Amino acid sequence: MSATQAKGADERILQTSPLRRLLGRPELGSVVGAIAVFVFFALLADSFLRASSLSTVLYAASTIGIMAVPVALLMIGGEFDLSAGVMVTSSALVSSMVSYQTTADVWVGVGVSLLVTLAIGAFNGFMLTRTKLPSFIITLGTFLMLTGLNLGFTKLIDGTVSTKTIADMEGFPSARDVFASTITVGGVGFKVTILWWLALVAVASWILLRTRAGNWIFAVGGNKDAARAVGVPVTRTKIGLYMGVGFGAWISGQHLLFSYDVVQSGEGVGNELIYIIAAVIGGCLITGGHGSAVGSAVGAFIFGMTSKGIVFAEWNPDWFKFFLGAMLLLATLLNAWVRKRAEATK
């Protein structure tokens, strides 16, 4: 075998190397971070390893993870959504007020809420693709409009900043079972949101890795002009991604409503940053074209471990945002290092 052939053989070995494939995974950095956070709180908080504590951590992670999954897909597609947090509240408010005002089965309100949140997502995507303005401007405008609409309509219809209870209305028990029930396993209660979260991660991963739409998402996030040149439906893809965020907001909003019976119109502000942080910790790039649904799930899990681990360790919860910011920076640096290592093995 000649030197040239030997060199070619070496390159083929590198291309199929398990180490290279591992280093190329976008969620690798977040997995390493999750292990470190888990060990950290397991050593500092005796109650952290209890089954009931794990249930609490998973619930906290799922409430973030349900939204982090579609937000991650949107970021892979090169955009982000600042209206995601208040859209969750809008979803709950629409469902509650439609059900209460029409005195119909609460499932009618649930259905109307789904249509409304999908429409909001479609509006964001349509405005983005038609105006060519940055997603920051488009979704910031939607954020402000929804914040005002949530408060204005709630006070106009109900006379207060919160909705009326719908706990005694027809269909409420079945809706609560779907969106806010507790499943007992081995004597430990787990919220149904955990199942919603895992299902979304599975579906999103299948879309990204096994479908043509997944290729389109990566393509428009990497270079939308080049993607358009090879026939990728850029407009349809981006609108679909924003509608995906709307779908996640619908699930989260229904959980919010059927967990507490009533909804405060001012909730949700600031949560959009937490969803973005979870996606970034999970390996998504702000510039698009890189990331995974599994990574967003790991990022949400880190969020859940940190928020509850601080409580189990009996620390002052005021420090939570500090640790969250530190994790964001460390995860970003670790992800950058992993990508450089992956490129170095090519």
C-alpha atoms as a PDB file:
ATOM      1  CA  MET A   1       0.000   0.000   0.000  1.00  0.00           C
ATOM      2  CA  SER A   2       1.318   3.426  -0.951  1.00  0.00           C
ATOM      3  CA  ALA A   3       1.645   6.386   1.439  1.00  0.00           C
ATOM      4  CA  THR A   4      -1.270   8.073  -0.274  1.00  0.00           C
ATOM      5  CA  GLN A   5      -3.462   5.013   0.161  1.00  0.00           C
ATOM      6  CA  ALA A   6      -2.409   4.705   3.785  1.00  0.00           C
ATOM      7  CA  LYS A   7      -3.325   8.328   4.387  1.00  0.00           C
ATOM      8  CA  GLY A   8      -6.735   7.777   2.753  1.00  0.00           C
ATOM      9  CA  ALA A   9      -7.318   4.747   4.935  1.00  0.00           C
ATOM     10  CA  ASP A  10      -6.485   6.761   8.040  1.00  0.00           C
ATOM     11  CA  GLU A  11      -8.991   9.454   7.037  1.00  0.00           C
ATOM     12  CA  ARG A  12     -11.713   6.857   6.572  1.00  0.00           C
ATOM     13  CA  ILE A  13     -10.970   5.485  10.022  1.00  0.00           C
ATOM     14  CA  LEU A  14     -11.297   8.978  11.499  1.00  0.00           C
ATOM     15  CA  GLN A  15     -14.592   9.533   9.728  1.00  0.00           C
ATOM     16  CA  THR A  16     -16.095   6.430  11.345  1.00  0.00           C
ATOM     17  CA  SER A  17     -14.359   6.784  14.691  1.00  0.00           C
ATOM     18  CA  PRO A  18     -16.768   6.505  17.655  1.00  0.00           C
ATOM     19  CA  LEU A  19     -14.793   9.248  19.421  1.00  0.00           C
ATOM     20  CA  ARG A  20     -15.279  11.616  16.477  1.00  0.00           C
ATOM     21  CA  ARG A  21     -19.002  10.874  16.360  1.00  0.00           C
ATOM     22  CA  LEU A  22     -19.248  11.415  20.106  1.00  0.00           C
ATOM     23  CA  LEU A  23     -17.395  14.725  19.981  1.00  0.00           C
ATOM     24  CA  GLY A  24     -19.637  15.817  17.145  1.00  0.00           C
ATOM     25  CA  ARG A  25     -22.828  15.424  19.181  1.00  0.00           C
ATOM     26  CA  PRO A  26     -24.230  18.870  20.096  1.00  0.00           C
ATOM     27  CA  GLU A  27     -25.524  17.687  23.453  1.00  0.00           C
ATOM     28  CA  LEU A  28     -22.200  16.231  24.677  1.00  0.00           C
ATOM     29  CA  GLY A  29     -21.233  19.344  26.622  1.00  0.00           C
ATOM     30  CA  SER A  30     -24.616  19.532  28.334  1.00  0.00           C
ATOM     31  CA  VAL A  31     -24.483  15.853  29.297  1.00  0.00           C
ATOM     32  CA  VAL A  32     -21.093  16.389  30.937  1.00  0.00           C
ATOM     33  CA  GLY A  33     -22.508  19.443  32.699  1.00  0.00           C
ATOM     34  CA  ALA A  34     -25.589  17.516  33.856  1.00  0.00           C
ATOM     35  CA  ILE A  35     -23.428  14.782  35.359  1.00  0.00           C
ATOM     36  CA  ALA A  36     -21.352  17.387  37.174  1.00  0.00           C
ATOM     37  CA  VAL A  37     -24.443  19.172  38.555  1.00  0.00           C
ATOM     38  CA  PHE A  38     -25.987  15.847  39.641  1.00  0.00           C
ATOM     39  CA  VAL A  39     -22.843  14.738  41.495  1.00  0.00           C
ATOM     40  CA  PHE A  40     -22.474  18.197  43.031  1.00  0.00           C
ATOM     41  CA  PHE A  41     -25.935  18.249  44.618  1.00  0.00           C
ATOM     42  CA  ALA A  42     -25.859  14.527  45.462  1.00  0.00           C
ATOM     43  CA  LEU A  43     -22.810  15.217  47.634  1.00  0.00           C
ATOM     44  CA  LEU A  44     -24.118  18.443  49.205  1.00  0.00           C
ATOM     45  CA  ALA A  45     -27.800  17.592  49.757  1.00  0.00           C
ATOM     46  CA  ASP A  46     -28.679  14.310  51.470  1.00  0.00           C
ATOM     47  CA  SER A  47     -32.294  14.441  50.287  1.00  0.00           C
ATOM     48  CA  PHE A  48     -31.370  15.016  46.633  1.00  0.00           C
ATOM     49  CA  LEU A  49     -31.155  11.287  45.820  1.00  0.00           C
ATOM     50  CA  ARG A  50     -34.568  10.395  47.238  1.00  0.00           C
ATOM     51  CA  ALA A  51     -37.215   9.191  44.776  1.00  0.00           C
ATOM     52  CA  SER A  52     -39.577  11.984  45.810  1.00  0.00           C
ATOM     53  CA  SER A  53     -36.830  14.528  45.165  1.00  0.00           C
ATOM     54  CA  LEU A  54     -36.209  13.067  41.718  1.00  0.00           C
ATOM     55  CA  SER A  55     -39.918  13.460  40.994  1.00  0.00           C
ATOM     56  CA  THR A  56     -39.745  17.119  42.002  1.00  0.00           C
ATOM     57  CA  VAL A  57     -36.659  17.713  39.854  1.00  0.00           C
ATOM     58  CA  LEU A  58     -38.232  16.032  36.821  1.00  0.00           C
ATOM     59  CA  TYR A  59     -41.394  18.079  37.221  1.00  0.00           C
ATOM     60  CA  ALA A  60     -39.435  21.328  37.359  1.00  0.00           C
ATOM     61  CA  ALA A  61     -37.449  20.207  34.311  1.00  0.00           C
ATOM     62  CA  SER A  62     -40.567  19.212  32.369  1.00  0.00           C
ATOM     63  CA  THR A  63     -42.280  22.588  32.827  1.00  0.00           C
ATOM     64  CA  ILE A  64     -39.256  24.183  31.154  1.00  0.00           C
ATOM     65  CA  GLY A  65     -38.493  21.313  28.794  1.00  0.00           C
ATOM     66  CA  ILE A  66     -41.903  21.300  27.102  1.00  0.00           C
ATOM     67  CA  MET A  67     -41.128  24.775  25.773  1.00  0.00           C
ATOM     68  CA  ALA A  68     -37.367  24.281  25.423  1.00  0.00           C
ATOM     69  CA  VAL A  69     -37.890  21.584  22.774  1.00  0.00           C
ATOM     70  CA  PRO A  70     -39.710  23.729  20.154  1.00  0.00           C
ATOM     71  CA  VAL A  71     -37.551  26.727  21.089  1.00  0.00           C
ATOM     72  CA  ALA A  72     -34.466  24.585  20.380  1.00  0.00           C
ATOM     73  CA  LEU A  73     -35.815  23.578  16.969  1.00  0.00           C
ATOM     74  CA  LEU A  74     -36.508  27.231  16.224  1.00  0.00           C
ATOM     75  CA  MET A  75     -32.950  28.174  17.230  1.00  0.00           C
ATOM     76  CA  ILE A  76     -31.523  25.398  15.047  1.00  0.00           C
ATOM     77  CA  GLY A  77     -33.532  27.035  12.273  1.00  0.00           C
ATOM     78  CA  GLY A  78     -31.703  30.287  12.949  1.00  0.00           C
ATOM     79  CA  GLU A  79     -34.410  32.217  14.840  1.00  0.00           C
ATOM     80  CA  PHE A  80     -35.709  32.714  18.381  1.00  0.00           C
ATOM     81  CA  ASP A  81     -38.939  33.802  20.025  1.00  0.00           C
ATOM     82  CA  LEU A  82     -39.179  36.407  22.793  1.00  0.00           C
ATOM     83  CA  SER A  83     -42.961  35.964  23.026  1.00  0.00           C
ATOM     84  CA  ALA A  84     -42.795  32.304  24.093  1.00  0.00           C
ATOM     85  CA  GLY A  85     -43.167  33.006  27.824  1.00  0.00           C
ATOM     86  CA  VAL A  86     -46.259  35.211  27.677  1.00  0.00           C
ATOM     87  CA  MET A  87     -47.740  32.989  24.951  1.00  0.00           C
ATOM     88  CA  VAL A  88     -48.047  30.246  27.584  1.00  0.00           C
ATOM     89  CA  THR A  89     -50.135  32.600  29.714  1.00  0.00           C
ATOM     90  CA  SER A  90     -52.181  33.628  26.661  1.00  0.00           C
ATOM     91  CA  SER A  91     -52.934  29.962  26.003  1.00  0.00           C
ATOM     92  CA  ALA A  92     -54.228  29.457  29.542  1.00  0.00           C
ATOM     93  CA  LEU A  93     -56.230  32.707  29.553  1.00  0.00           C
ATOM     94  CA  VAL A  94     -57.967  31.963  26.252  1.00  0.00           C
ATOM     95  CA  SER A  95     -58.909  28.457  27.372  1.00  0.00           C
ATOM     96  CA  SER A  96     -60.240  29.668  30.707  1.00  0.00           C
ATOM     97  CA  MET A  97     -62.173  32.721  29.492  1.00  0.00           C
ATOM     98  CA  VAL A  98     -63.737  30.985  26.476  1.00  0.00           C
ATOM     99  CA  SER A  99     -64.920  28.121  28.687  1.00  0.00           C
ATOM    100  CA  TYR A 100     -66.263  30.434  31.420  1.00  0.00           C
ATOM    101  CA  GLN A 101     -67.952  32.975  29.155  1.00  0.00           C
ATOM    102  CA  THR A 102     -69.606  30.409  26.873  1.00  0.00           C
ATOM    103  CA  THR A 103     -70.446  28.030  29.764  1.00  0.00           C
ATOM    104  CA  ALA A 104     -69.425  25.245  27.401  1.00  0.00           C
ATOM    105  CA  ASP A 105     -67.437  22.108  28.074  1.00  0.00           C
ATOM    106  CA  VAL A 106     -63.898  23.182  28.968  1.00  0.00           C
ATOM    107  CA  TRP A 107     -62.623  21.162  26.025  1.00  0.00           C
ATOM    108  CA  VAL A 108     -64.138  23.821  23.780  1.00  0.00           C
ATOM    109  CA  GLY A 109     -61.871  26.379  25.415  1.00  0.00           C
ATOM    110  CA  VAL A 110     -58.929  23.986  25.099  1.00  0.00           C
ATOM    111  CA  GLY A 111     -59.592  23.633  21.366  1.00  0.00           C
ATOM    112  CA  VAL A 112     -59.958  27.377  20.802  1.00  0.00           C
ATOM    113  CA  SER A 113     -56.742  27.954  22.745  1.00  0.00           C
ATOM    114  CA  LEU A 114     -54.887  25.558  20.438  1.00  0.00           C
ATOM    115  CA  LEU A 115     -56.080  27.443  17.374  1.00  0.00           C
ATOM    116  CA  VAL A 116     -55.131  30.799  18.911  1.00  0.00           C
ATOM    117  CA  THR A 117     -51.599  29.779  19.898  1.00  0.00           C
ATOM    118  CA  LEU A 118     -50.950  28.187  16.510  1.00  0.00           C
ATOM    119  CA  ALA A 119     -52.207  31.403  14.907  1.00  0.00           C
ATOM    120  CA  ILE A 120     -49.831  33.488  17.045  1.00  0.00           C
ATOM    121  CA  GLY A 121     -46.942  31.270  15.981  1.00  0.00           C
ATOM    122  CA  ALA A 122     -47.987  31.539  12.330  1.00  0.00           C
ATOM    123  CA  PHE A 123     -48.214  35.331  12.705  1.00  0.00           C
ATOM    124  CA  ASN A 124     -44.645  35.495  14.027  1.00  0.00           C
ATOM    125  CA  GLY A 125     -43.362  33.337  11.191  1.00  0.00           C
ATOM    126  CA  PHE A 126     -45.349  35.202   8.542  1.00  0.00           C
ATOM    127  CA  MET A 127     -44.177  38.620   9.746  1.00  0.00           C
ATOM    128  CA  LEU A 128     -40.587  37.407   9.893  1.00  0.00           C
ATOM    129  CA  THR A 129     -40.553  36.033   6.366  1.00  0.00           C
ATOM    130  CA  ARG A 130     -42.538  38.895   4.811  1.00  0.00           C
ATOM    131  CA  THR A 131     -40.834  41.866   6.438  1.00  0.00           C
ATOM    132  CA  LYS A 132     -37.278  40.396   6.597  1.00  0.00           C
ATOM    133  CA  LEU A 133     -36.922  42.065   9.999  1.00  0.00           C
ATOM    134  CA  PRO A 134     -34.843  40.266  12.671  1.00  0.00           C
ATOM    135  CA  SER A 135     -36.740  37.779  14.813  1.00  0.00           C
ATOM    136  CA  PHE A 136     -35.705  39.865  17.837  1.00  0.00           C
ATOM    137  CA  ILE A 137     -37.823  42.801  16.622  1.00  0.00           C
ATOM    138  CA  ILE A 138     -40.784  40.724  15.428  1.00  0.00           C
ATOM    139  CA  THR A 139     -41.129  38.621  18.559  1.00  0.00           C
ATOM    140  CA  LEU A 140     -40.379  41.528  20.896  1.00  0.00           C
ATOM    141  CA  GLY A 141     -43.357  43.282  19.334  1.00  0.00           C
ATOM    142  CA  THR A 142     -45.494  40.171  19.809  1.00  0.00           C
ATOM    143  CA  PHE A 143     -44.279  39.893  23.392  1.00  0.00           C
ATOM    144  CA  LEU A 144     -45.404  43.439  24.167  1.00  0.00           C
ATOM    145  CA  MET A 145     -48.741  42.994  22.397  1.00  0.00           C
ATOM    146  CA  LEU A 146     -49.518  39.738  24.187  1.00  0.00           C
ATOM    147  CA  THR A 147     -48.506  41.211  27.547  1.00  0.00           C
ATOM    148  CA  GLY A 148     -50.981  44.039  27.017  1.00  0.00           C
ATOM    149  CA  LEU A 149     -53.712  41.793  25.634  1.00  0.00           C
ATOM    150  CA  ASN A 150     -53.375  39.321  28.516  1.00  0.00           C
ATOM    151  CA  LEU A 151     -53.870  42.054  31.087  1.00  0.00           C
ATOM    152  CA  GLY A 152     -56.375  44.148  29.129  1.00  0.00           C
ATOM    153  CA  PHE A 153     -58.748  41.351  28.146  1.00  0.00           C
ATOM    154  CA  THR A 154     -58.628  39.722  31.584  1.00  0.00           C
ATOM    155  CA  LYS A 155     -59.580  42.980  33.336  1.00  0.00           C
ATOM    156  CA  LEU A 156     -62.192  43.777  30.660  1.00  0.00           C
ATOM    157  CA  ILE A 157     -63.910  40.399  30.818  1.00  0.00           C
ATOM    158  CA  ASP A 158     -63.382  39.299  34.424  1.00  0.00           C
ATOM    159  CA  GLY A 159     -62.895  42.659  36.118  1.00  0.00           C
ATOM    160  CA  THR A 160     -59.662  41.549  37.821  1.00  0.00           C
ATOM    161  CA  VAL A 161     -56.155  40.513  36.838  1.00  0.00           C
ATOM    162  CA  SER A 162     -57.019  36.819  37.203  1.00  0.00           C
ATOM    163  CA  THR A 163     -59.575  34.537  35.610  1.00  0.00           C
ATOM    164  CA  LYS A 164     -62.607  33.016  37.299  1.00  0.00           C
ATOM    165  CA  THR A 165     -62.373  29.411  38.415  1.00  0.00           C
ATOM    166  CA  ILE A 166     -63.640  26.771  35.981  1.00  0.00           C
ATOM    167  CA  ALA A 167     -63.088  23.828  38.353  1.00  0.00           C
ATOM    168  CA  ASP A 168     -66.831  23.080  38.553  1.00  0.00           C
ATOM    169  CA  MET A 169     -67.406  23.072  34.797  1.00  0.00           C
ATOM    170  CA  GLU A 170     -68.072  20.049  32.630  1.00  0.00           C
ATOM    171  CA  GLY A 171     -64.959  18.429  31.220  1.00  0.00           C
ATOM    172  CA  PHE A 172     -62.603  19.879  33.814  1.00  0.00           C
ATOM    173  CA  PRO A 173     -61.722  16.524  35.463  1.00  0.00           C
ATOM    174  CA  SER A 174     -60.846  14.866  32.155  1.00  0.00           C
ATOM    175  CA  ALA A 175     -58.831  17.871  30.990  1.00  0.00           C
ATOM    176  CA  ARG A 176     -56.972  17.920  34.300  1.00  0.00           C
ATOM    177  CA  ASP A 177     -56.164  14.223  33.830  1.00  0.00           C
ATOM    178  CA  VAL A 178     -54.623  14.968  30.434  1.00  0.00           C
ATOM    179  CA  PHE A 179     -52.670  18.101  31.334  1.00  0.00           C
ATOM    180  CA  ALA A 180     -52.105  18.163  35.103  1.00  0.00           C
ATOM    181  CA  SER A 181     -52.590  14.715  36.630  1.00  0.00           C
ATOM    182  CA  THR A 182     -50.160  12.811  38.829  1.00  0.00           C
ATOM    183  CA  ILE A 183     -49.110   9.255  38.013  1.00  0.00           C
ATOM    184  CA  THR A 184     -48.004   7.127  40.954  1.00  0.00           C
ATOM    185  CA  VAL A 185     -45.102   4.728  40.368  1.00  0.00           C
ATOM    186  CA  GLY A 186     -43.702   2.780  43.294  1.00  0.00           C
ATOM    187  CA  GLY A 187     -45.446   5.029  45.772  1.00  0.00           C
ATOM    188  CA  VAL A 188     -43.943   8.177  44.216  1.00  0.00           C
ATOM    189  CA  GLY A 189     -46.062  10.660  42.269  1.00  0.00           C
ATOM    190  CA  PHE A 190     -44.842  11.884  38.869  1.00  0.00           C
ATOM    191  CA  LYS A 191     -46.581  14.692  36.994  1.00  0.00           C
ATOM    192  CA  VAL A 192     -48.002  13.912  33.560  1.00  0.00           C
ATOM    193  CA  THR A 193     -46.009  16.841  32.160  1.00  0.00           C
ATOM    194  CA  ILE A 194     -42.971  14.561  32.303  1.00  0.00           C
ATOM    195  CA  LEU A 195     -44.635  12.288  29.729  1.00  0.00           C
ATOM    196  CA  TRP A 196     -45.574  15.266  27.553  1.00  0.00           C
ATOM    197  CA  TRP A 197     -41.971  16.433  27.723  1.00  0.00           C
ATOM    198  CA  LEU A 198     -40.459  13.064  26.811  1.00  0.00           C
ATOM    199  CA  ALA A 199     -42.951  12.638  23.965  1.00  0.00           C
ATOM    200  CA  LEU A 200     -42.028  16.035  22.527  1.00  0.00           C
ATOM    201  CA  VAL A 201     -38.316  15.202  22.747  1.00  0.00           C
ATOM    202  CA  ALA A 202     -38.896  11.899  20.923  1.00  0.00           C
ATOM    203  CA  VAL A 203     -41.012  13.474  18.165  1.00  0.00           C
ATOM    204  CA  ALA A 204     -38.651  16.426  17.718  1.00  0.00           C
ATOM    205  CA  SER A 205     -35.619  14.108  17.547  1.00  0.00           C
ATOM    206  CA  TRP A 206     -37.351  11.986  14.919  1.00  0.00           C
ATOM    207  CA  ILE A 207     -38.179  15.082  12.874  1.00  0.00           C
ATOM    208  CA  LEU A 208     -34.606  16.397  13.052  1.00  0.00           C
ATOM    209  CA  LEU A 209     -32.817  13.120  12.365  1.00  0.00           C
ATOM    210  CA  ARG A 210     -35.197  11.066  10.233  1.00  0.00           C
ATOM    211  CA  THR A 211     -37.264  13.401   8.072  1.00  0.00           C
ATOM    212  CA  ARG A 212     -36.816  15.794   5.170  1.00  0.00           C
ATOM    213  CA  ALA A 213     -38.215  18.573   7.366  1.00  0.00           C
ATOM    214  CA  GLY A 214     -35.311  18.030   9.759  1.00  0.00           C
ATOM    215  CA  ASN A 215     -32.840  18.551   6.928  1.00  0.00           C
ATOM    216  CA  TRP A 216     -34.693  21.742   6.005  1.00  0.00           C
ATOM    217  CA  ILE A 217     -34.428  23.036   9.596  1.00  0.00           C
ATOM    218  CA  PHE A 218     -30.664  22.548   9.707  1.00  0.00           C
ATOM    219  CA  ALA A 219     -30.307  23.989   6.214  1.00  0.00           C
ATOM    220  CA  VAL A 220     -32.225  27.224   6.853  1.00  0.00           C
ATOM    221  CA  GLY A 221     -30.385  27.673  10.144  1.00  0.00           C
ATOM    222  CA  GLY A 222     -26.994  27.192   8.524  1.00  0.00           C
ATOM    223  CA  ASN A 223     -27.525  29.387   5.453  1.00  0.00           C
ATOM    224  CA  LYS A 224     -31.050  30.257   4.374  1.00  0.00           C
ATOM    225  CA  ASP A 225     -29.968  31.708   1.023  1.00  0.00           C
ATOM    226  CA  ALA A 226     -28.051  28.581   0.086  1.00  0.00           C
ATOM    227  CA  ALA A 227     -30.971  26.465   1.337  1.00  0.00           C
ATOM    228  CA  ARG A 228     -33.413  28.408  -0.831  1.00  0.00           C
ATOM    229  CA  ALA A 229     -31.101  27.988  -3.820  1.00  0.00           C
ATOM    230  CA  VAL A 230     -31.314  24.186  -3.563  1.00  0.00           C
ATOM    231  CA  GLY A 231     -35.095  24.164  -3.219  1.00  0.00           C
ATOM    232  CA  VAL A 232     -35.650  24.204   0.534  1.00  0.00           C
ATOM    233  CA  PRO A 233     -39.003  25.870   1.384  1.00  0.00           C
ATOM    234  CA  VAL A 234     -37.496  28.447   3.752  1.00  0.00           C
ATOM    235  CA  THR A 235     -40.709  30.400   4.378  1.00  0.00           C
ATOM    236  CA  ARG A 236     -42.795  27.328   5.129  1.00  0.00           C
ATOM    237  CA  THR A 237     -40.089  25.892   7.373  1.00  0.00           C
ATOM    238  CA  LYS A 238     -39.758  29.023   9.495  1.00  0.00           C
ATOM    239  CA  ILE A 239     -43.523  29.465   9.857  1.00  0.00           C
ATOM    240  CA  GLY A 240     -43.800  25.807  10.869  1.00  0.00           C
ATOM    241  CA  LEU A 241     -41.105  26.242  13.517  1.00  0.00           C
ATOM    242  CA  TYR A 242     -42.920  29.209  15.046  1.00  0.00           C
ATOM    243  CA  MET A 243     -46.152  27.236  15.044  1.00  0.00           C
ATOM    244  CA  GLY A 244     -44.257  24.507  16.892  1.00  0.00           C
ATOM    245  CA  VAL A 245     -43.462  27.040  19.620  1.00  0.00           C
ATOM    246  CA  GLY A 246     -47.172  27.879  19.681  1.00  0.00           C
ATOM    247  CA  PHE A 247     -48.018  24.197  20.163  1.00  0.00           C
ATOM    248  CA  GLY A 248     -45.597  23.923  23.082  1.00  0.00           C
ATOM    249  CA  ALA A 249     -47.123  27.072  24.596  1.00  0.00           C
ATOM    250  CA  TRP A 250     -50.564  25.498  24.303  1.00  0.00           C
ATOM    251  CA  ILE A 251     -49.500  22.394  26.251  1.00  0.00           C
ATOM    252  CA  SER A 252     -47.764  24.462  28.931  1.00  0.00           C
ATOM    253  CA  GLY A 253     -50.706  26.863  29.172  1.00  0.00           C
ATOM    254  CA  GLN A 254     -53.218  24.075  29.670  1.00  0.00           C
ATOM    255  CA  HIS A 255     -51.044  22.595  32.393  1.00  0.00           C
ATOM    256  CA  LEU A 256     -50.910  25.986  34.090  1.00  0.00           C
ATOM    257  CA  LEU A 257     -54.684  26.365  33.945  1.00  0.00           C
ATOM    258  CA  PHE A 258     -55.691  22.879  35.040  1.00  0.00           C
ATOM    259  CA  SER A 259     -53.132  22.791  37.837  1.00  0.00           C
ATOM    260  CA  TYR A 260     -54.424  25.904  39.596  1.00  0.00           C
ATOM    261  CA  ASP A 261     -57.987  26.429  38.208  1.00  0.00           C
ATOM    262  CA  VAL A 262     -57.310  30.150  37.699  1.00  0.00           C
ATOM    263  CA  VAL A 263     -54.629  32.109  35.822  1.00  0.00           C
ATOM    264  CA  GLN A 264     -52.909  35.370  36.693  1.00  0.00           C
ATOM    265  CA  SER A 265     -52.673  37.553  33.568  1.00  0.00           C
ATOM    266  CA  GLY A 266     -49.174  38.808  34.387  1.00  0.00           C
ATOM    267  CA  GLU A 267     -47.514  35.394  34.512  1.00  0.00           C
ATOM    268  CA  GLY A 268     -44.937  34.170  32.017  1.00  0.00           C
ATOM    269  CA  VAL A 269     -42.880  37.340  31.589  1.00  0.00           C
ATOM    270  CA  GLY A 270     -39.187  36.403  31.582  1.00  0.00           C
ATOM    271  CA  ASN A 271     -39.717  32.678  31.053  1.00  0.00           C
ATOM    272  CA  GLU A 272     -38.763  33.003  27.392  1.00  0.00           C
ATOM    273  CA  LEU A 273     -35.178  33.627  28.484  1.00  0.00           C
ATOM    274  CA  ILE A 274     -35.199  30.438  30.552  1.00  0.00           C
ATOM    275  CA  TYR A 275     -36.354  28.422  27.512  1.00  0.00           C
ATOM    276  CA  ILE A 276     -33.573  29.935  25.414  1.00  0.00           C
ATOM    277  CA  ILE A 277     -31.021  29.286  28.173  1.00  0.00           C
ATOM    278  CA  ALA A 278     -32.064  25.619  28.359  1.00  0.00           C
ATOM    279  CA  ALA A 279     -31.636  25.278  24.592  1.00  0.00           C
ATOM    280  CA  VAL A 280     -28.241  27.005  24.611  1.00  0.00           C
ATOM    281  CA  ILE A 281     -27.001  24.911  27.542  1.00  0.00           C
ATOM    282  CA  GLY A 282     -28.164  21.904  25.503  1.00  0.00           C
ATOM    283  CA  GLY A 283     -25.874  22.800  22.619  1.00  0.00           C
ATOM    284  CA  CYS A 284     -27.948  25.078  20.373  1.00  0.00           C
ATOM    285  CA  LEU A 285     -26.153  27.970  18.734  1.00  0.00           C
ATOM    286  CA  ILE A 286     -27.652  31.470  18.648  1.00  0.00           C
ATOM    287  CA  THR A 287     -26.460  31.651  15.038  1.00  0.00           C
ATOM    288  CA  GLY A 288     -28.463  28.547  14.080  1.00  0.00           C
ATOM    289  CA  GLY A 289     -27.710  25.313  12.233  1.00  0.00           C
ATOM    290  CA  HIS A 290     -26.525  23.362  15.274  1.00  0.00           C
ATOM    291  CA  GLY A 291     -28.263  21.659  18.182  1.00  0.00           C
ATOM    292  CA  SER A 292     -30.606  18.832  19.151  1.00  0.00           C
ATOM    293  CA  ALA A 293     -33.878  18.156  20.927  1.00  0.00           C
ATOM    294  CA  VAL A 294     -32.119  15.817  23.353  1.00  0.00           C
ATOM    295  CA  GLY A 295     -29.715  18.611  24.233  1.00  0.00           C
ATOM    296  CA  SER A 296     -32.616  20.922  25.111  1.00  0.00           C
ATOM    297  CA  ALA A 297     -33.975  18.186  27.384  1.00  0.00           C
ATOM    298  CA  VAL A 298     -30.613  17.905  29.142  1.00  0.00           C
ATOM    299  CA  GLY A 299     -30.509  21.683  29.490  1.00  0.00           C
ATOM    300  CA  ALA A 300     -33.971  21.655  31.070  1.00  0.00           C
ATOM    301  CA  PHE A 301     -32.897  18.829  33.370  1.00  0.00           C
ATOM    302  CA  ILE A 302     -29.905  20.892  34.517  1.00  0.00           C
ATOM    303  CA  PHE A 303     -32.318  23.737  35.211  1.00  0.00           C
ATOM    304  CA  GLY A 304     -34.540  21.409  37.273  1.00  0.00           C
ATOM    305  CA  MET A 305     -31.624  19.986  39.243  1.00  0.00           C
ATOM    306  CA  THR A 306     -30.247  23.434  40.008  1.00  0.00           C
ATOM    307  CA  SER A 307     -33.543  25.072  40.998  1.00  0.00           C
ATOM    308  CA  LYS A 308     -34.510  22.230  43.326  1.00  0.00           C
ATOM    309  CA  GLY A 309     -30.996  21.226  44.378  1.00  0.00           C
ATOM    310  CA  ILE A 310     -30.484  24.651  45.924  1.00  0.00           C
ATOM    311  CA  VAL A 311     -33.638  24.087  47.985  1.00  0.00           C
ATOM    312  CA  PHE A 312     -32.609  20.570  49.038  1.00  0.00           C
ATOM    313  CA  ALA A 313     -29.181  21.896  50.045  1.00  0.00           C
ATOM    314  CA  GLU A 314     -30.965  24.558  52.130  1.00  0.00           C
ATOM    315  CA  TRP A 315     -29.214  27.423  50.400  1.00  0.00           C
ATOM    316  CA  ASN A 316     -30.667  30.857  49.877  1.00  0.00           C
ATOM    317  CA  PRO A 317     -32.767  30.546  46.656  1.00  0.00           C
ATOM    318  CA  ASP A 318     -31.836  34.134  45.803  1.00  0.00           C
ATOM    319  CA  TRP A 319     -28.596  32.677  44.431  1.00  0.00           C
ATOM    320  CA  PHE A 320     -30.408  30.590  41.813  1.00  0.00           C
ATOM    321  CA  LYS A 321     -30.132  33.131  38.982  1.00  0.00           C
ATOM    322  CA  PHE A 322     -26.411  33.474  39.661  1.00  0.00           C
ATOM    323  CA  PHE A 323     -25.878  29.727  39.283  1.00  0.00           C
ATOM    324  CA  LEU A 324     -28.091  29.663  36.189  1.00  0.00           C
ATOM    325  CA  GLY A 325     -26.025  32.410  34.566  1.00  0.00           C
ATOM    326  CA  ALA A 326     -22.774  30.693  35.510  1.00  0.00           C
ATOM    327  CA  MET A 327     -24.007  27.419  34.015  1.00  0.00           C
ATOM    328  CA  LEU A 328     -24.978  29.218  30.809  1.00  0.00           C
ATOM    329  CA  LEU A 329     -21.470  30.629  30.400  1.00  0.00           C
ATOM    330  CA  LEU A 330     -19.744  27.375  31.328  1.00  0.00           C
ATOM    331  CA  ALA A 331     -21.980  25.318  29.039  1.00  0.00           C
ATOM    332  CA  THR A 332     -21.379  27.692  26.137  1.00  0.00           C
ATOM    333  CA  LEU A 333     -17.616  27.528  26.643  1.00  0.00           C
ATOM    334  CA  LEU A 334     -17.725  23.746  26.972  1.00  0.00           C
ATOM    335  CA  ASN A 335     -19.829  23.381  23.828  1.00  0.00           C
ATOM    336  CA  ALA A 336     -17.377  25.591  21.913  1.00  0.00           C
ATOM    337  CA  TRP A 337     -14.462  23.472  23.124  1.00  0.00           C
ATOM    338  CA  VAL A 338     -16.229  20.248  22.127  1.00  0.00           C
ATOM    339  CA  ARG A 339     -16.955  21.596  18.631  1.00  0.00           C
ATOM    340  CA  LYS A 340     -13.308  22.591  18.187  1.00  0.00           C
ATOM    341  CA  ARG A 341     -12.196  19.111  19.271  1.00  0.00           C
ATOM    342  CA  ALA A 342     -14.645  17.549  16.826  1.00  0.00           C
ATOM    343  CA  GLU A 343     -13.349  19.721  13.987  1.00  0.00           C
ATOM    344  CA  ALA A 344      -9.756  18.871  14.911  1.00  0.00           C
ATOM    345  CA  THR A 345     -10.441  15.141  14.423  1.00  0.00           C
ATOM    346  CA  LYS A 346     -11.788  15.583  10.885  1.00  0.00           C
END
